[in-house]
N, C-alpha and C. Protein backbone atom coordinates (compact mmCIF):
# COMPACT_ATOMS: atom_id res chain seq x y z
N MET A 1 0.77 -0.96 -0.12
CA MET A 1 0.22 -0.05 0.03
C MET A 1 0.55 1.39 -0.24
N GLY A 2 2.16 1.18 0.36
CA GLY A 2 3.08 2.05 0.46
C GLY A 2 3.18 2.87 -0.71
N ALA A 3 3.29 2.03 -1.89
CA ALA A 3 3.67 2.33 -3.21
C ALA A 3 2.44 2.80 -4.04
N VAL A 4 1.17 2.67 -3.61
CA VAL A 4 0.15 3.36 -4.59
C VAL A 4 -1.08 4.08 -3.76
N THR A 5 -1.29 3.12 -2.35
CA THR A 5 -2.16 3.85 -1.72
C THR A 5 -1.99 5.04 -1.18
N TYR A 6 -1.24 4.69 -0.16
CA TYR A 6 -0.65 6.04 0.52
C TYR A 6 -0.46 7.35 0.07
N PRO A 7 0.40 7.41 -1.15
CA PRO A 7 0.80 8.52 -1.94
C PRO A 7 -0.32 9.09 -2.55
N ASP A 8 -1.64 8.12 -2.75
CA ASP A 8 -2.65 9.00 -3.29
C ASP A 8 -3.16 10.47 -2.61
N ALA A 9 -3.13 11.28 -3.32
CA ALA A 9 -3.47 12.62 -2.91
C ALA A 9 -4.85 12.57 -1.95
N ASP A 10 -5.97 11.61 -2.46
CA ASP A 10 -7.27 11.57 -1.73
C ASP A 10 -6.81 10.79 -0.37
N VAL A 11 -6.24 9.97 -0.36
CA VAL A 11 -6.23 9.48 0.71
C VAL A 11 -4.76 9.97 1.63
N GLN A 12 -4.27 11.01 1.44
CA GLN A 12 -3.12 11.49 2.20
C GLN A 12 -4.22 12.67 2.83
N ARG A 13 -5.34 13.38 2.26
CA ARG A 13 -6.01 14.38 2.65
C ARG A 13 -6.95 13.90 3.65
N VAL A 14 -7.47 12.61 3.39
CA VAL A 14 -8.20 12.16 4.57
C VAL A 14 -7.40 11.56 5.69
N ILE A 15 -6.34 11.23 5.54
CA ILE A 15 -5.79 10.68 6.96
C ILE A 15 -5.06 11.99 7.64
N GLU A 16 -4.50 13.07 6.84
CA GLU A 16 -4.23 14.27 7.59
C GLU A 16 -5.55 14.92 8.24
N GLU A 17 -6.76 14.88 7.70
CA GLU A 17 -7.83 15.54 8.30
C GLU A 17 -8.41 14.91 9.34
N LYS A 18 -8.68 13.64 9.42
CA LYS A 18 -9.52 12.76 10.12
C LYS A 18 -8.67 11.34 11.08
N PHE A 19 -7.45 11.39 11.00
CA PHE A 19 -6.77 10.38 11.44
C PHE A 19 -5.68 10.79 11.96
N VAL A 20 -5.11 10.08 12.92
CA VAL A 20 -3.53 9.97 13.18
C VAL A 20 -2.87 8.67 12.93
N PRO A 21 -2.43 8.73 12.05
CA PRO A 21 -1.51 7.35 11.41
C PRO A 21 -0.41 6.72 12.37
N VAL A 22 -0.38 5.52 12.79
CA VAL A 22 0.96 5.05 13.08
C VAL A 22 1.00 3.74 12.40
N LYS A 23 2.59 3.52 12.05
CA LYS A 23 2.83 2.59 11.04
C LYS A 23 3.84 1.71 11.76
N PHE A 24 3.50 0.49 11.70
CA PHE A 24 4.76 -0.47 12.56
C PHE A 24 5.50 -1.12 11.25
N ASP A 25 6.60 -1.37 11.72
CA ASP A 25 7.51 -2.15 10.58
C ASP A 25 8.01 -3.34 11.35
N VAL A 26 6.89 -4.34 10.81
CA VAL A 26 6.96 -5.81 11.23
C VAL A 26 8.10 -6.81 11.22
N VAL A 27 9.13 -6.10 10.54
CA VAL A 27 10.53 -6.78 10.58
C VAL A 27 11.47 -6.23 11.88
N GLU A 28 11.10 -4.94 11.94
CA GLU A 28 11.97 -4.39 13.03
C GLU A 28 11.22 -4.36 14.47
N GLN A 29 9.89 -4.58 14.22
CA GLN A 29 8.94 -4.73 15.67
C GLN A 29 8.24 -5.94 15.38
N PRO A 30 8.93 -6.99 15.22
CA PRO A 30 7.75 -8.29 14.98
C PRO A 30 6.65 -8.33 15.90
N ASP A 31 6.81 -7.96 17.57
CA ASP A 31 5.96 -8.21 18.43
C ASP A 31 4.39 -7.44 17.98
N SER A 32 4.93 -6.51 17.12
CA SER A 32 3.62 -5.44 16.86
C SER A 32 2.23 -6.58 16.44
N MET A 33 2.91 -7.81 15.81
CA MET A 33 1.65 -8.50 15.06
C MET A 33 1.08 -9.07 16.24
N ASP A 34 2.01 -9.66 17.33
CA ASP A 34 1.02 -10.18 18.25
C ASP A 34 0.43 -9.00 19.32
N ARG A 35 0.84 -8.07 19.19
CA ARG A 35 0.55 -6.49 20.14
C ARG A 35 -1.05 -6.27 19.58
N PHE A 36 -1.12 -6.29 17.99
CA PHE A 36 -2.59 -6.05 17.68
C PHE A 36 -3.67 -7.29 16.88
N HIS A 37 -2.88 -8.27 17.48
CA HIS A 37 -3.26 -9.57 17.32
C HIS A 37 -4.08 -9.84 15.63
N THR A 38 -2.63 -9.90 14.76
CA THR A 38 -2.98 -9.90 13.59
C THR A 38 -1.82 -11.07 12.81
N PRO A 39 -2.38 -11.75 12.25
CA PRO A 39 -1.34 -12.38 11.49
C PRO A 39 -0.69 -12.16 10.35
N TRP A 40 -1.07 -11.16 9.56
CA TRP A 40 -1.25 -10.82 8.07
C TRP A 40 -0.70 -9.24 8.48
N THR A 41 0.07 -8.74 7.00
CA THR A 41 0.04 -7.24 6.55
C THR A 41 -0.39 -7.27 5.04
N PRO A 42 -0.88 -6.05 4.59
CA PRO A 42 -0.94 -5.00 5.91
C PRO A 42 -2.17 -5.29 6.41
N THR A 43 -2.73 -4.91 7.49
CA THR A 43 -3.44 -4.80 8.65
C THR A 43 -3.88 -3.52 9.00
N LEU A 44 -5.05 -2.77 8.65
CA LEU A 44 -5.30 -1.85 8.87
C LEU A 44 -6.36 -1.40 10.21
N ILE A 45 -6.01 -0.92 11.14
CA ILE A 45 -6.91 -1.09 12.53
C ILE A 45 -7.35 0.31 12.70
N VAL A 46 -8.41 0.45 12.75
CA VAL A 46 -9.23 1.89 13.03
C VAL A 46 -9.63 2.05 14.52
N GLU A 47 -8.88 2.82 15.63
CA GLU A 47 -9.50 2.87 17.01
C GLU A 47 -9.46 4.17 17.41
N ASP A 48 -10.36 4.43 18.42
CA ASP A 48 -10.17 5.76 18.71
C ASP A 48 -9.23 6.24 20.02
N ALA A 49 -9.30 7.38 20.48
CA ALA A 49 -8.23 7.85 21.48
C ALA A 49 -8.32 6.58 22.67
N GLU A 50 -9.21 6.36 23.01
CA GLU A 50 -8.96 5.20 24.24
C GLU A 50 -8.85 4.01 23.74
N GLY A 51 -8.28 3.64 22.53
CA GLY A 51 -8.10 2.56 22.55
C GLY A 51 -9.05 1.28 21.56
N VAL A 52 -10.15 1.88 21.49
CA VAL A 52 -11.20 0.93 21.17
C VAL A 52 -11.66 0.91 19.73
N GLU A 53 -11.41 -0.41 19.40
CA GLU A 53 -11.29 -0.59 17.71
C GLU A 53 -12.68 -0.66 17.01
N HIS A 54 -12.71 0.18 15.90
CA HIS A 54 -13.86 0.41 15.48
C HIS A 54 -13.77 -0.25 13.89
N ARG A 55 -12.45 -0.56 13.26
CA ARG A 55 -12.67 -1.15 12.24
C ARG A 55 -11.22 -1.81 11.58
N ARG A 56 -11.33 -2.91 11.38
CA ARG A 56 -10.09 -3.80 10.85
C ARG A 56 -10.23 -4.31 9.16
N SER A 57 -9.15 -4.29 8.96
CA SER A 57 -9.16 -4.62 7.47
C SER A 57 -7.81 -5.37 7.12
N GLN A 58 -7.88 -6.56 6.68
CA GLN A 58 -6.70 -7.30 6.50
C GLN A 58 -6.10 -7.36 4.94
N GLY A 59 -4.97 -7.22 4.36
CA GLY A 59 -5.04 -7.19 2.94
C GLY A 59 -5.07 -5.78 2.17
N TYR A 60 -4.26 -6.32 1.15
CA TYR A 60 -3.92 -4.98 0.29
C TYR A 60 -5.31 -4.05 -0.04
N LEU A 61 -5.31 -2.53 0.32
CA LEU A 61 -6.45 -1.86 -0.76
C LEU A 61 -5.91 -0.91 -1.35
N ASP A 62 -6.43 -0.63 -2.50
CA ASP A 62 -6.43 0.43 -3.19
C ASP A 62 -6.80 1.44 -2.78
N PRO A 63 -6.51 2.65 -3.41
CA PRO A 63 -7.19 4.02 -2.91
C PRO A 63 -8.51 3.96 -2.70
N ARG A 64 -9.60 3.62 -3.79
CA ARG A 64 -10.88 3.47 -3.32
C ARG A 64 -11.13 2.88 -2.01
N ARG A 65 -10.78 1.26 -2.09
CA ARG A 65 -11.35 0.73 -1.04
C ARG A 65 -10.81 1.23 0.26
N PHE A 66 -9.51 1.67 0.18
CA PHE A 66 -9.04 2.50 1.65
C PHE A 66 -10.04 3.68 1.83
N LEU A 67 -10.51 4.38 1.34
CA LEU A 67 -11.00 5.39 1.42
C LEU A 67 -12.56 5.06 2.03
N ALA A 68 -13.15 3.92 1.28
CA ALA A 68 -14.37 3.38 1.55
C ALA A 68 -14.14 2.74 3.15
N GLU A 69 -13.09 2.34 3.38
CA GLU A 69 -12.74 1.86 4.64
C GLU A 69 -12.93 2.79 5.91
N MET A 70 -12.14 3.89 5.43
CA MET A 70 -12.11 5.07 6.35
C MET A 70 -13.49 5.55 6.65
N ALA A 71 -14.31 5.79 5.48
CA ALA A 71 -15.25 6.21 5.69
C ALA A 71 -16.69 5.26 6.53
N MET A 72 -16.33 4.16 6.18
CA MET A 72 -16.65 3.08 7.33
C MET A 72 -16.34 3.21 8.65
N ALA A 73 -15.32 3.65 8.76
CA ALA A 73 -14.85 3.52 10.10
C ALA A 73 -15.28 4.44 10.80
N GLN A 74 -15.56 5.88 10.16
CA GLN A 74 -15.73 6.97 10.92
C GLN A 74 -17.52 6.75 11.38
N MET A 75 -18.19 6.24 10.30
CA MET A 75 -19.78 5.79 10.53
C MET A 75 -19.91 4.96 11.83
N LYS A 76 -18.97 3.62 11.79
CA LYS A 76 -19.04 2.86 12.77
C LYS A 76 -18.71 3.48 14.27
N ASP A 77 -17.50 4.33 14.26
CA ASP A 77 -17.21 4.92 15.45
C ASP A 77 -18.32 5.82 16.16
N ALA A 78 -19.19 6.34 15.25
CA ALA A 78 -20.33 6.98 15.71
C ALA A 78 -21.51 6.02 16.40
N VAL A 79 -21.40 5.03 15.40
CA VAL A 79 -22.48 3.62 16.07
C VAL A 79 -22.00 3.40 17.25
N ASP A 80 -20.72 2.93 17.43
CA ASP A 80 -20.08 2.29 18.67
C ASP A 80 -20.42 3.26 19.85
N ARG A 81 -20.38 4.52 19.60
CA ARG A 81 -20.58 5.33 20.55
C ARG A 81 -22.12 5.78 21.14
N ARG A 82 -22.79 5.06 20.17
CA ARG A 82 -24.21 5.58 20.26
C ARG A 82 -24.49 7.07 19.80
N ASP A 83 -23.96 7.53 19.12
CA ASP A 83 -24.28 8.88 18.96
C ASP A 83 -24.84 8.66 17.38
N TYR A 84 -26.03 8.14 17.39
CA TYR A 84 -26.50 7.75 16.02
C TYR A 84 -27.17 9.12 15.55
N PRO A 85 -27.34 10.80 15.72
CA PRO A 85 -27.20 11.39 15.03
C PRO A 85 -25.87 11.74 13.98
N GLU A 86 -24.98 11.49 14.78
CA GLU A 86 -23.76 11.85 14.17
C GLU A 86 -23.48 10.47 13.22
N ALA A 87 -23.78 9.48 13.58
CA ALA A 87 -23.58 8.22 12.60
C ALA A 87 -24.46 8.33 11.44
N GLU A 88 -25.76 9.13 11.74
CA GLU A 88 -26.48 9.14 10.13
C GLU A 88 -25.93 10.04 9.57
N ARG A 89 -25.21 11.12 10.02
CA ARG A 89 -24.49 12.24 9.14
C ARG A 89 -23.44 11.46 8.52
N ARG A 90 -22.88 10.65 9.18
CA ARG A 90 -21.40 10.12 8.39
C ARG A 90 -21.86 9.07 7.55
N SER A 91 -23.17 8.69 7.75
CA SER A 91 -23.59 7.35 6.87
C SER A 91 -23.24 7.83 5.50
N ALA A 92 -24.02 9.18 4.93
CA ALA A 92 -23.94 9.80 3.75
C ALA A 92 -22.64 9.89 2.81
N ALA A 93 -21.48 9.75 3.79
CA ALA A 93 -20.21 9.52 3.13
C ALA A 93 -19.77 8.36 2.99
N ALA A 94 -20.26 7.40 3.80
CA ALA A 94 -19.89 5.92 3.85
C ALA A 94 -20.70 5.28 2.70
N LEU A 95 -21.89 5.81 2.45
CA LEU A 95 -22.62 5.16 1.29
C LEU A 95 -22.10 5.83 -0.06
N ALA A 96 -21.64 6.86 -0.16
CA ALA A 96 -20.75 7.37 -1.09
C ALA A 96 -19.47 6.81 -1.48
N ALA A 97 -18.59 6.58 -0.57
CA ALA A 97 -17.44 6.09 -0.57
C ALA A 97 -17.41 4.58 -0.64
N THR A 98 -18.52 3.81 -0.71
CA THR A 98 -18.56 2.27 -0.65
C THR A 98 -19.67 1.94 -2.09
N GLY A 99 -20.14 3.11 -2.70
CA GLY A 99 -20.99 2.71 -3.76
C GLY A 99 -20.10 1.90 -4.73
N GLY A 100 -20.91 1.04 -5.26
CA GLY A 100 -19.98 0.24 -6.61
C GLY A 100 -19.05 -0.98 -5.85
N ASP A 101 -19.11 -1.06 -4.78
CA ASP A 101 -18.03 -1.93 -3.81
C ASP A 101 -19.33 -3.15 -3.13
N PRO A 102 -19.37 -4.01 -3.89
CA PRO A 102 -20.25 -5.10 -3.33
C PRO A 102 -19.92 -5.68 -2.16
N GLU A 103 -18.81 -5.68 -1.36
CA GLU A 103 -18.37 -6.31 -0.12
C GLU A 103 -18.89 -4.96 0.85
N ARG A 104 -18.64 -3.56 0.35
CA ARG A 104 -18.93 -2.99 1.96
C ARG A 104 -19.65 -2.12 1.68
N HIS A 105 -20.16 -1.92 0.20
CA HIS A 105 -21.75 -1.32 0.17
C HIS A 105 -22.98 -1.76 1.06
N PRO A 106 -23.14 -3.07 1.04
CA PRO A 106 -24.12 -3.45 1.95
C PRO A 106 -23.94 -3.84 3.36
N GLU A 107 -22.93 -3.30 3.67
CA GLU A 107 -22.95 -3.33 5.13
C GLU A 107 -23.08 -1.59 5.52
N ALA A 108 -22.59 -0.81 4.68
CA ALA A 108 -22.86 0.77 4.60
C ALA A 108 -24.34 0.82 4.57
N ILE A 109 -24.94 0.25 3.77
CA ILE A 109 -26.68 0.15 3.90
C ILE A 109 -27.15 -0.34 5.09
N TYR A 110 -26.56 -1.48 5.67
CA TYR A 110 -27.10 -1.99 6.88
C TYR A 110 -26.65 -0.87 8.23
N TRP A 111 -25.77 -0.49 8.38
CA TRP A 111 -25.46 0.71 9.49
C TRP A 111 -26.22 1.73 9.35
N SER A 112 -26.08 2.26 7.78
CA SER A 112 -27.04 3.73 7.83
C SER A 112 -28.51 3.52 8.14
N ALA A 113 -29.07 2.33 7.86
CA ALA A 113 -30.29 1.81 8.43
C ALA A 113 -30.46 1.88 9.93
N VAL A 114 -29.51 1.55 10.47
CA VAL A 114 -29.63 1.18 11.78
C VAL A 114 -29.62 2.67 12.70
N ALA A 115 -28.52 3.40 12.22
CA ALA A 115 -28.21 4.73 12.36
C ALA A 115 -29.42 5.85 12.33
N ALA A 116 -30.19 5.67 11.17
CA ALA A 116 -31.47 6.43 10.95
C ALA A 116 -32.56 6.14 11.63
N TYR A 117 -32.97 4.87 11.90
CA TYR A 117 -33.68 4.34 12.86
C TYR A 117 -33.43 4.90 14.58
N LYS A 118 -32.13 4.60 14.90
CA LYS A 118 -31.74 4.71 15.92
C LYS A 118 -31.88 6.59 16.57
N ALA A 119 -31.71 7.15 15.36
CA ALA A 119 -31.55 8.65 15.21
C ALA A 119 -32.76 9.31 15.43
N SER A 120 -33.70 8.49 14.96
CA SER A 120 -35.21 8.93 14.77
C SER A 120 -36.25 8.16 15.63
N GLY A 121 -35.90 7.27 15.73
CA GLY A 121 -36.85 6.27 16.81
C GLY A 121 -37.92 5.86 15.95
N ASP A 122 -37.86 5.99 14.48
CA ASP A 122 -38.99 5.75 13.44
C ASP A 122 -38.30 4.01 13.01
N PRO A 123 -39.18 2.99 13.35
CA PRO A 123 -38.74 1.66 12.80
C PRO A 123 -38.88 1.82 11.15
N ALA A 124 -39.94 2.38 10.60
CA ALA A 124 -39.72 2.67 9.16
C ALA A 124 -38.62 2.83 8.39
N ARG A 125 -37.89 3.71 9.06
CA ARG A 125 -36.53 3.94 8.55
C ARG A 125 -35.53 3.10 8.49
N LEU A 126 -35.78 2.17 9.23
CA LEU A 126 -34.90 0.86 9.75
C LEU A 126 -35.35 -0.18 8.74
N LEU A 127 -36.47 -0.52 8.20
CA LEU A 127 -37.28 -1.10 7.56
C LEU A 127 -36.90 -0.68 6.16
N ALA A 128 -36.86 0.48 5.64
CA ALA A 128 -36.85 0.69 4.23
C ALA A 128 -35.35 0.75 3.95
N GLY A 129 -34.32 0.69 4.86
CA GLY A 129 -32.70 0.50 4.47
C GLY A 129 -32.31 -0.99 4.70
N TRP A 130 -32.81 -1.83 5.31
CA TRP A 130 -33.08 -3.06 5.23
C TRP A 130 -33.81 -3.51 4.28
N ASN A 131 -34.57 -3.42 3.61
CA ASN A 131 -35.41 -3.79 2.40
C ASN A 131 -34.63 -3.27 1.36
N ARG A 132 -34.05 -2.10 1.31
CA ARG A 132 -33.11 -1.79 0.20
C ARG A 132 -31.95 -2.85 0.04
N LEU A 133 -31.61 -2.96 1.03
CA LEU A 133 -30.59 -4.19 1.30
C LEU A 133 -30.96 -5.32 0.60
N LEU A 134 -31.90 -5.84 1.21
CA LEU A 134 -32.28 -7.16 0.73
C LEU A 134 -32.70 -7.31 -0.88
N ASP A 135 -33.21 -5.94 -1.44
CA ASP A 135 -33.73 -5.82 -2.99
C ASP A 135 -32.25 -5.83 -3.74
N ASP A 136 -31.28 -5.09 -3.15
CA ASP A 136 -30.28 -4.88 -3.98
C ASP A 136 -29.22 -6.01 -3.89
N PHE A 137 -29.09 -6.38 -2.67
CA PHE A 137 -27.85 -7.34 -2.49
C PHE A 137 -28.28 -8.48 -1.70
N ALA A 138 -29.54 -9.17 -2.09
CA ALA A 138 -30.07 -10.21 -1.62
C ALA A 138 -28.88 -11.38 -1.05
N GLY A 139 -27.51 -11.63 -2.05
CA GLY A 139 -26.81 -12.41 -1.71
C GLY A 139 -25.77 -12.09 -0.89
N SER A 140 -25.94 -10.88 -0.45
CA SER A 140 -24.87 -10.60 0.68
C SER A 140 -24.94 -11.14 2.10
N GLU A 141 -23.88 -11.13 2.71
CA GLU A 141 -24.17 -11.59 4.33
C GLU A 141 -24.54 -10.59 4.79
N TRP A 142 -24.87 -9.28 4.54
CA TRP A 142 -25.47 -8.48 5.61
C TRP A 142 -26.76 -8.70 5.11
N ALA A 143 -27.28 -9.07 4.05
CA ALA A 143 -28.68 -9.10 3.84
C ALA A 143 -29.10 -10.36 4.33
N ARG A 144 -28.45 -11.59 4.50
CA ARG A 144 -28.74 -12.46 5.26
C ARG A 144 -28.98 -12.35 6.47
N LYS A 145 -28.47 -11.35 7.08
CA LYS A 145 -28.62 -10.49 8.92
C LYS A 145 -30.13 -10.18 8.94
N VAL A 146 -30.62 -9.66 7.82
CA VAL A 146 -31.77 -9.22 8.07
C VAL A 146 -33.01 -9.63 7.18
N GLU A 147 -32.77 -10.71 6.62
CA GLU A 147 -33.77 -11.64 5.89
C GLU A 147 -34.99 -11.98 6.70
N PHE A 148 -34.86 -12.15 8.06
CA PHE A 148 -35.88 -12.52 9.01
C PHE A 148 -37.03 -11.23 8.82
N ILE A 149 -36.63 -10.26 8.72
CA ILE A 149 -37.90 -9.18 8.33
C ILE A 149 -38.80 -9.62 7.15
N ARG A 150 -38.67 -10.31 6.14
CA ARG A 150 -39.42 -10.60 5.36
C ARG A 150 -40.02 -12.46 5.46
N MET A 151 -39.38 -12.70 6.58
CA MET A 151 -39.95 -14.33 6.69
C MET A 151 -41.44 -14.08 7.48
N GLY A 152 -42.32 -15.24 7.40
CA GLY A 152 -43.50 -15.34 7.93
C GLY A 152 -44.64 -14.71 7.84
């Protein structure tokens, strides 16, 4: 990722504006892999200031998928903190960044619907998002998590 992803201007901008990057050289610091419970590099871990993990990705990410992971991490941070209005605001960026990504976009729809429901208290907003997930990504793991809403 050092040759392609990190030099990308959009990646640099997002990292500089929103994150504090920390990089470990696993050759010089082999204990870092044990410390962060990862058997493989590259591993991207997004934690908050208290060390709570909100997102983890293992393996190479091109700039587009890296930016999608960062947008998802920001939304998930707000969800995990139960700041649902902020999660709902951040979901727009996550949905935009994951658009066209068959792995990340279904997850973004799932959490966006959760945030909308929790922020508003309106179950129709949850059902609308989850129905969209079932309609557009029926074969995804995230659709299988919500298929119960159409059973029975």
